[in-house]
Amino acid sequence: MAQAGDYLRTGERFVRRLVAERRISYVKLGKYVRLQRSTLDAFIEAGRIPCD
């Protein structure tokens, strides 16, 4: 989660909240939560506001 926070330039807490609110998809392997970089990229693109 810390690496995802670094990638998004946010805190780990924000990434954990995204997962808890199911705003991004993830894979759970036992007790570990894994995020794909493409999922993070899609989240960024979804929030992008185009210029006029």
PDB file of N, CA and C in Angstrom:
ATOM      1  N   MET A   1       0.810  -1.186   0.000  1.00  0.00           N
ATOM      2  CA  MET A   1       0.000   0.000   0.000  1.00  0.00           C
ATOM      3  C   MET A   1       0.860   1.259   0.000  1.00  0.00           C
ATOM      4  N   ALA A   2       1.984   1.199   0.673  1.00  0.00           N
ATOM      5  CA  ALA A   2       2.862   2.364   0.723  1.00  0.00           C
ATOM      6  C   ALA A   2       3.396   2.696  -0.675  1.00  0.00           C
ATOM      7  N   GLN A   3       3.715   1.673  -1.449  1.00  0.00           N
ATOM      8  CA  GLN A   3       4.214   1.905  -2.805  1.00  0.00           C
ATOM      9  C   GLN A   3       3.118   2.511  -3.675  1.00  0.00           C
ATOM     10  N   ALA A   4       1.883   2.069  -3.491  1.00  0.00           N
ATOM     11  CA  ALA A   4       0.768   2.640  -4.251  1.00  0.00           C
ATOM     12  C   ALA A   4       0.575   4.098  -3.858  1.00  0.00           C
ATOM     13  N   GLY A   5       0.725   4.407  -2.586  1.00  0.00           N
ATOM     14  CA  GLY A   5       0.631   5.790  -2.132  1.00  0.00           C
ATOM     15  C   GLY A   5       1.716   6.655  -2.741  1.00  0.00           C
ATOM     16  N   ASP A   6       2.919   6.113  -2.813  1.00  0.00           N
ATOM     17  CA  ASP A   6       4.015   6.842  -3.448  1.00  0.00           C
ATOM     18  C   ASP A   6       3.728   7.066  -4.933  1.00  0.00           C
ATOM     19  N   TYR A   7       3.188   6.057  -5.586  1.00  0.00           N
ATOM     20  CA  TYR A   7       2.888   6.153  -7.017  1.00  0.00           C
ATOM     21  C   TYR A   7       1.823   7.218  -7.277  1.00  0.00           C
ATOM     22  N   LEU A   8       0.812   7.271  -6.404  1.00  0.00           N
ATOM     23  CA  LEU A   8      -0.252   8.258  -6.554  1.00  0.00           C
ATOM     24  C   LEU A   8       0.114   9.602  -5.930  1.00  0.00           C
ATOM     25  N   ARG A   9       1.264   9.638  -5.275  1.00  0.00           N
ATOM     26  CA  ARG A   9       1.723  10.831  -4.546  1.00  0.00           C
ATOM     27  C   ARG A   9       0.725  11.247  -3.476  1.00  0.00           C
ATOM     28  N   THR A  10       0.218  10.237  -2.755  1.00  0.00           N
ATOM     29  CA  THR A  10      -0.677  10.450  -1.625  1.00  0.00           C
ATOM     30  C   THR A  10      -0.171   9.588  -0.474  1.00  0.00           C
ATOM     31  N   GLY A  11      -0.886   9.592   0.589  1.00  0.00           N
ATOM     32  CA  GLY A  11      -0.517   8.765   1.720  1.00  0.00           C
ATOM     33  C   GLY A  11      -1.071   7.359   1.608  1.00  0.00           C
ATOM     34  N   GLU A  12      -0.522   6.463   2.390  1.00  0.00           N
ATOM     35  CA  GLU A  12      -0.994   5.083   2.414  1.00  0.00           C
ATOM     36  C   GLU A  12      -2.434   5.025   2.914  1.00  0.00           C
ATOM     37  N   ARG A  13      -2.779   5.925   3.811  1.00  0.00           N
ATOM     38  CA  ARG A  13      -4.126   5.953   4.366  1.00  0.00           C
ATOM     39  C   ARG A  13      -5.180   6.187   3.279  1.00  0.00           C
ATOM     40  N   PHE A  14      -4.886   7.065   2.318  1.00  0.00           N
ATOM     41  CA  PHE A  14      -5.813   7.336   1.219  1.00  0.00           C
ATOM     42  C   PHE A  14      -6.019   6.080   0.371  1.00  0.00           C
ATOM     43  N   VAL A  15      -4.951   5.359   0.103  1.00  0.00           N
ATOM     44  CA  VAL A  15      -5.058   4.131  -0.700  1.00  0.00           C
ATOM     45  C   VAL A  15      -5.890   3.100   0.053  1.00  0.00           C
ATOM     46  N   ARG A  16      -5.668   2.977   1.350  1.00  0.00           N
ATOM     47  CA  ARG A  16      -6.462   2.046   2.152  1.00  0.00           C
ATOM     48  C   ARG A  16      -7.946   2.422   2.132  1.00  0.00           C
ATOM     49  N   ARG A  17      -8.232   3.715   2.134  1.00  0.00           N
ATOM     50  CA  ARG A  17      -9.618   4.164   2.079  1.00  0.00           C
ATOM     51  C   ARG A  17     -10.241   3.838   0.730  1.00  0.00           C
ATOM     52  N   LEU A  18      -9.472   4.002  -0.359  1.00  0.00           N
ATOM     53  CA  LEU A  18      -9.986   3.640  -1.682  1.00  0.00           C
ATOM     54  C   LEU A  18     -10.352   2.160  -1.732  1.00  0.00           C
ATOM     55  N   VAL A  19      -9.519   1.334  -1.142  1.00  0.00           N
ATOM     56  CA  VAL A  19      -9.782  -0.112  -1.116  1.00  0.00           C
ATOM     57  C   VAL A  19     -11.000  -0.401  -0.251  1.00  0.00           C
ATOM     58  N   ALA A  20     -11.074   0.209   0.924  1.00  0.00           N
ATOM     59  CA  ALA A  20     -12.189  -0.037   1.844  1.00  0.00           C
ATOM     60  C   ALA A  20     -13.521   0.388   1.240  1.00  0.00           C
ATOM     61  N   GLU A  21     -13.508   1.494   0.496  1.00  0.00           N
ATOM     62  CA  GLU A  21     -14.731   1.985  -0.148  1.00  0.00           C
ATOM     63  C   GLU A  21     -14.978   1.316  -1.483  1.00  0.00           C
ATOM     64  N   ARG A  22     -14.081   0.408  -1.873  1.00  0.00           N
ATOM     65  CA  ARG A  22     -14.166  -0.337  -3.141  1.00  0.00           C
ATOM     66  C   ARG A  22     -14.234   0.595  -4.337  1.00  0.00           C
ATOM     67  N   ARG A  23     -13.460   1.678  -4.283  1.00  0.00           N
ATOM     68  CA  ARG A  23     -13.389   2.611  -5.395  1.00  0.00           C
ATOM     69  C   ARG A  23     -12.347   2.184  -6.416  1.00  0.00           C
ATOM     70  N   ILE A  24     -11.434   1.282  -6.032  1.00  0.00           N
ATOM     71  CA  ILE A  24     -10.477   0.690  -6.959  1.00  0.00           C
ATOM     72  C   ILE A  24     -10.487  -0.812  -6.746  1.00  0.00           C
ATOM     73  N   SER A  25     -10.192  -1.549  -7.814  1.00  0.00           N
ATOM     74  CA  SER A  25     -10.175  -3.006  -7.706  1.00  0.00           C
ATOM     75  C   SER A  25      -8.836  -3.456  -7.135  1.00  0.00           C
ATOM     76  N   TYR A  26      -8.874  -4.586  -6.473  1.00  0.00           N
ATOM     77  CA  TYR A  26      -7.678  -5.127  -5.840  1.00  0.00           C
ATOM     78  C   TYR A  26      -7.783  -6.643  -5.793  1.00  0.00           C
ATOM     79  N   VAL A  27      -6.676  -7.276  -5.482  1.00  0.00           N
ATOM     80  CA  VAL A  27      -6.626  -8.722  -5.321  1.00  0.00           C
ATOM     81  C   VAL A  27      -6.149  -8.994  -3.906  1.00  0.00           C
ATOM     82  N   LYS A  28      -6.843  -9.859  -3.205  1.00  0.00           N
ATOM     83  CA  LYS A  28      -6.451 -10.192  -1.842  1.00  0.00           C
ATOM     84  C   LYS A  28      -5.857 -11.600  -1.845  1.00  0.00           C
ATOM     85  N   LEU A  29      -4.613 -11.697  -1.425  1.00  0.00           N
ATOM     86  CA  LEU A  29      -3.906 -12.973  -1.337  1.00  0.00           C
ATOM     87  C   LEU A  29      -3.622 -13.235   0.133  1.00  0.00           C
ATOM     88  N   GLY A  30      -4.478 -14.023   0.761  1.00  0.00           N
ATOM     89  CA  GLY A  30      -4.340 -14.234   2.192  1.00  0.00           C
ATOM     90  C   GLY A  30      -4.648 -12.934   2.911  1.00  0.00           C
ATOM     91  N   LYS A  31      -3.679 -12.456   3.682  1.00  0.00           N
ATOM     92  CA  LYS A  31      -3.881 -11.191   4.391  1.00  0.00           C
ATOM     93  C   LYS A  31      -3.340  -9.997   3.619  1.00  0.00           C
ATOM     94  N   TYR A  32      -2.754 -10.246   2.456  1.00  0.00           N
ATOM     95  CA  TYR A  32      -2.118  -9.190   1.673  1.00  0.00           C
ATOM     96  C   TYR A  32      -3.058  -8.667   0.590  1.00  0.00           C
ATOM     97  N   VAL A  33      -3.034  -7.368   0.383  1.00  0.00           N
ATOM     98  CA  VAL A  33      -3.820  -6.723  -0.662  1.00  0.00           C
ATOM     99  C   VAL A  33      -2.857  -6.269  -1.746  1.00  0.00           C
ATOM    100  N   ARG A  34      -3.151  -6.639  -2.980  1.00  0.00           N
ATOM    101  CA  ARG A  34      -2.293  -6.289  -4.112  1.00  0.00           C
ATOM    102  C   ARG A  34      -3.064  -5.420  -5.087  1.00  0.00           C
ATOM    103  N   LEU A  35      -2.390  -4.398  -5.594  1.00  0.00           N
ATOM    104  CA  LEU A  35      -2.981  -3.492  -6.570  1.00  0.00           C
ATOM    105  C   LEU A  35      -2.147  -3.531  -7.837  1.00  0.00           C
ATOM    106  N   GLN A  36      -2.815  -3.510  -8.988  1.00  0.00           N
ATOM    107  CA  GLN A  36      -2.105  -3.478 -10.252  1.00  0.00           C
ATOM    108  C   GLN A  36      -1.848  -2.028 -10.642  1.00  0.00           C
ATOM    109  N   ARG A  37      -0.721  -1.796 -11.246  1.00  0.00           N
ATOM    110  CA  ARG A  37      -0.389  -0.440 -11.691  1.00  0.00           C
ATOM    111  C   ARG A  37      -1.414   0.066 -12.698  1.00  0.00           C
ATOM    112  N   SER A  38      -1.919  -0.828 -13.550  1.00  0.00           N
ATOM    113  CA  SER A  38      -2.923  -0.411 -14.531  1.00  0.00           C
ATOM    114  C   SER A  38      -4.205   0.061 -13.841  1.00  0.00           C
ATOM    115  N   THR A  39      -4.535  -0.517 -12.701  1.00  0.00           N
ATOM    116  CA  THR A  39      -5.700  -0.075 -11.938  1.00  0.00           C
ATOM    117  C   THR A  39      -5.481   1.332 -11.400  1.00  0.00           C
ATOM    118  N   LEU A  40      -4.281   1.594 -10.909  1.00  0.00           N
ATOM    119  CA  LEU A  40      -3.959   2.927 -10.407  1.00  0.00           C
ATOM    120  C   LEU A  40      -3.962   3.947 -11.541  1.00  0.00           C
ATOM    121  N   ASP A  41      -3.436   3.547 -12.702  1.00  0.00           N
ATOM    122  CA  ASP A  41      -3.451   4.436 -13.867  1.00  0.00           C
ATOM    123  C   ASP A  41      -4.886   4.757 -14.296  1.00  0.00           C
ATOM    124  N   ALA A  42      -5.761   3.749 -14.258  1.00  0.00           N
ATOM    125  CA  ALA A  42      -7.165   3.958 -14.622  1.00  0.00           C
ATOM    126  C   ALA A  42      -7.842   4.901 -13.631  1.00  0.00           C
ATOM    127  N   PHE A  43      -7.492   4.784 -12.357  1.00  0.00           N
ATOM    128  CA  PHE A  43      -8.052   5.684 -11.346  1.00  0.00           C
ATOM    129  C   PHE A  43      -7.632   7.125 -11.617  1.00  0.00           C
ATOM    130  N   ILE A  44      -6.380   7.305 -11.976  1.00  0.00           N
ATOM    131  CA  ILE A  44      -5.880   8.653 -12.300  1.00  0.00           C
ATOM    132  C   ILE A  44      -6.608   9.201 -13.520  1.00  0.00           C
ATOM    133  N   GLU A  45      -6.742   8.393 -14.566  1.00  0.00           N
ATOM    134  CA  GLU A  45      -7.400   8.843 -15.791  1.00  0.00           C
ATOM    135  C   GLU A  45      -8.875   9.178 -15.545  1.00  0.00           C
ATOM    136  N   ALA A  46      -9.524   8.419 -14.682  1.00  0.00           N
ATOM    137  CA  ALA A  46     -10.938   8.671 -14.389  1.00  0.00           C
ATOM    138  C   ALA A  46     -11.125  10.027 -13.717  1.00  0.00           C
ATOM    139  N   GLY A  47     -10.135  10.480 -12.994  1.00  0.00           N
ATOM    140  CA  GLY A  47     -10.240  11.759 -12.309  1.00  0.00           C
ATOM    141  C   GLY A  47      -9.711  12.935 -13.111  1.00  0.00           C
ATOM    142  N   ARG A  48      -9.174  12.663 -14.286  1.00  0.00           N
ATOM    143  CA  ARG A  48      -8.596  13.723 -15.107  1.00  0.00           C
ATOM    144  C   ARG A  48      -9.694  14.588 -15.717  1.00  0.00           C
ATOM    145  N   ILE A  49      -9.500  15.890 -15.650  1.00  0.00           N
ATOM    146  CA  ILE A  49     -10.443  16.849 -16.222  1.00  0.00           C
ATOM    147  C   ILE A  49      -9.785  17.459 -17.445  1.00  0.00           C
ATOM    148  N   PRO A  50     -10.397  17.310 -18.618  1.00  0.00           N
ATOM    149  CA  PRO A  50      -9.761  17.818 -19.843  1.00  0.00           C
ATOM    150  C   PRO A  50      -9.771  19.345 -19.896  1.00  0.00           C
ATOM    151  N   CYS A  51      -8.809  19.884 -20.623  1.00  0.00           N
ATOM    152  CA  CYS A  51      -8.731  21.331 -20.851  1.00  0.00           C
ATOM    153  C   CYS A  51      -9.756  21.729 -21.906  1.00  0.00           C
ATOM    154  N   ASP A  52     -10.131  22.982 -21.887  1.00  0.00           N
ATOM    155  CA  ASP A  52     -11.066  23.477 -22.900  1.00  0.00           C
ATOM    156  C   ASP A  52     -10.345  23.833 -24.166  1.00  0.00           C
TER     157      ASP A  52
END
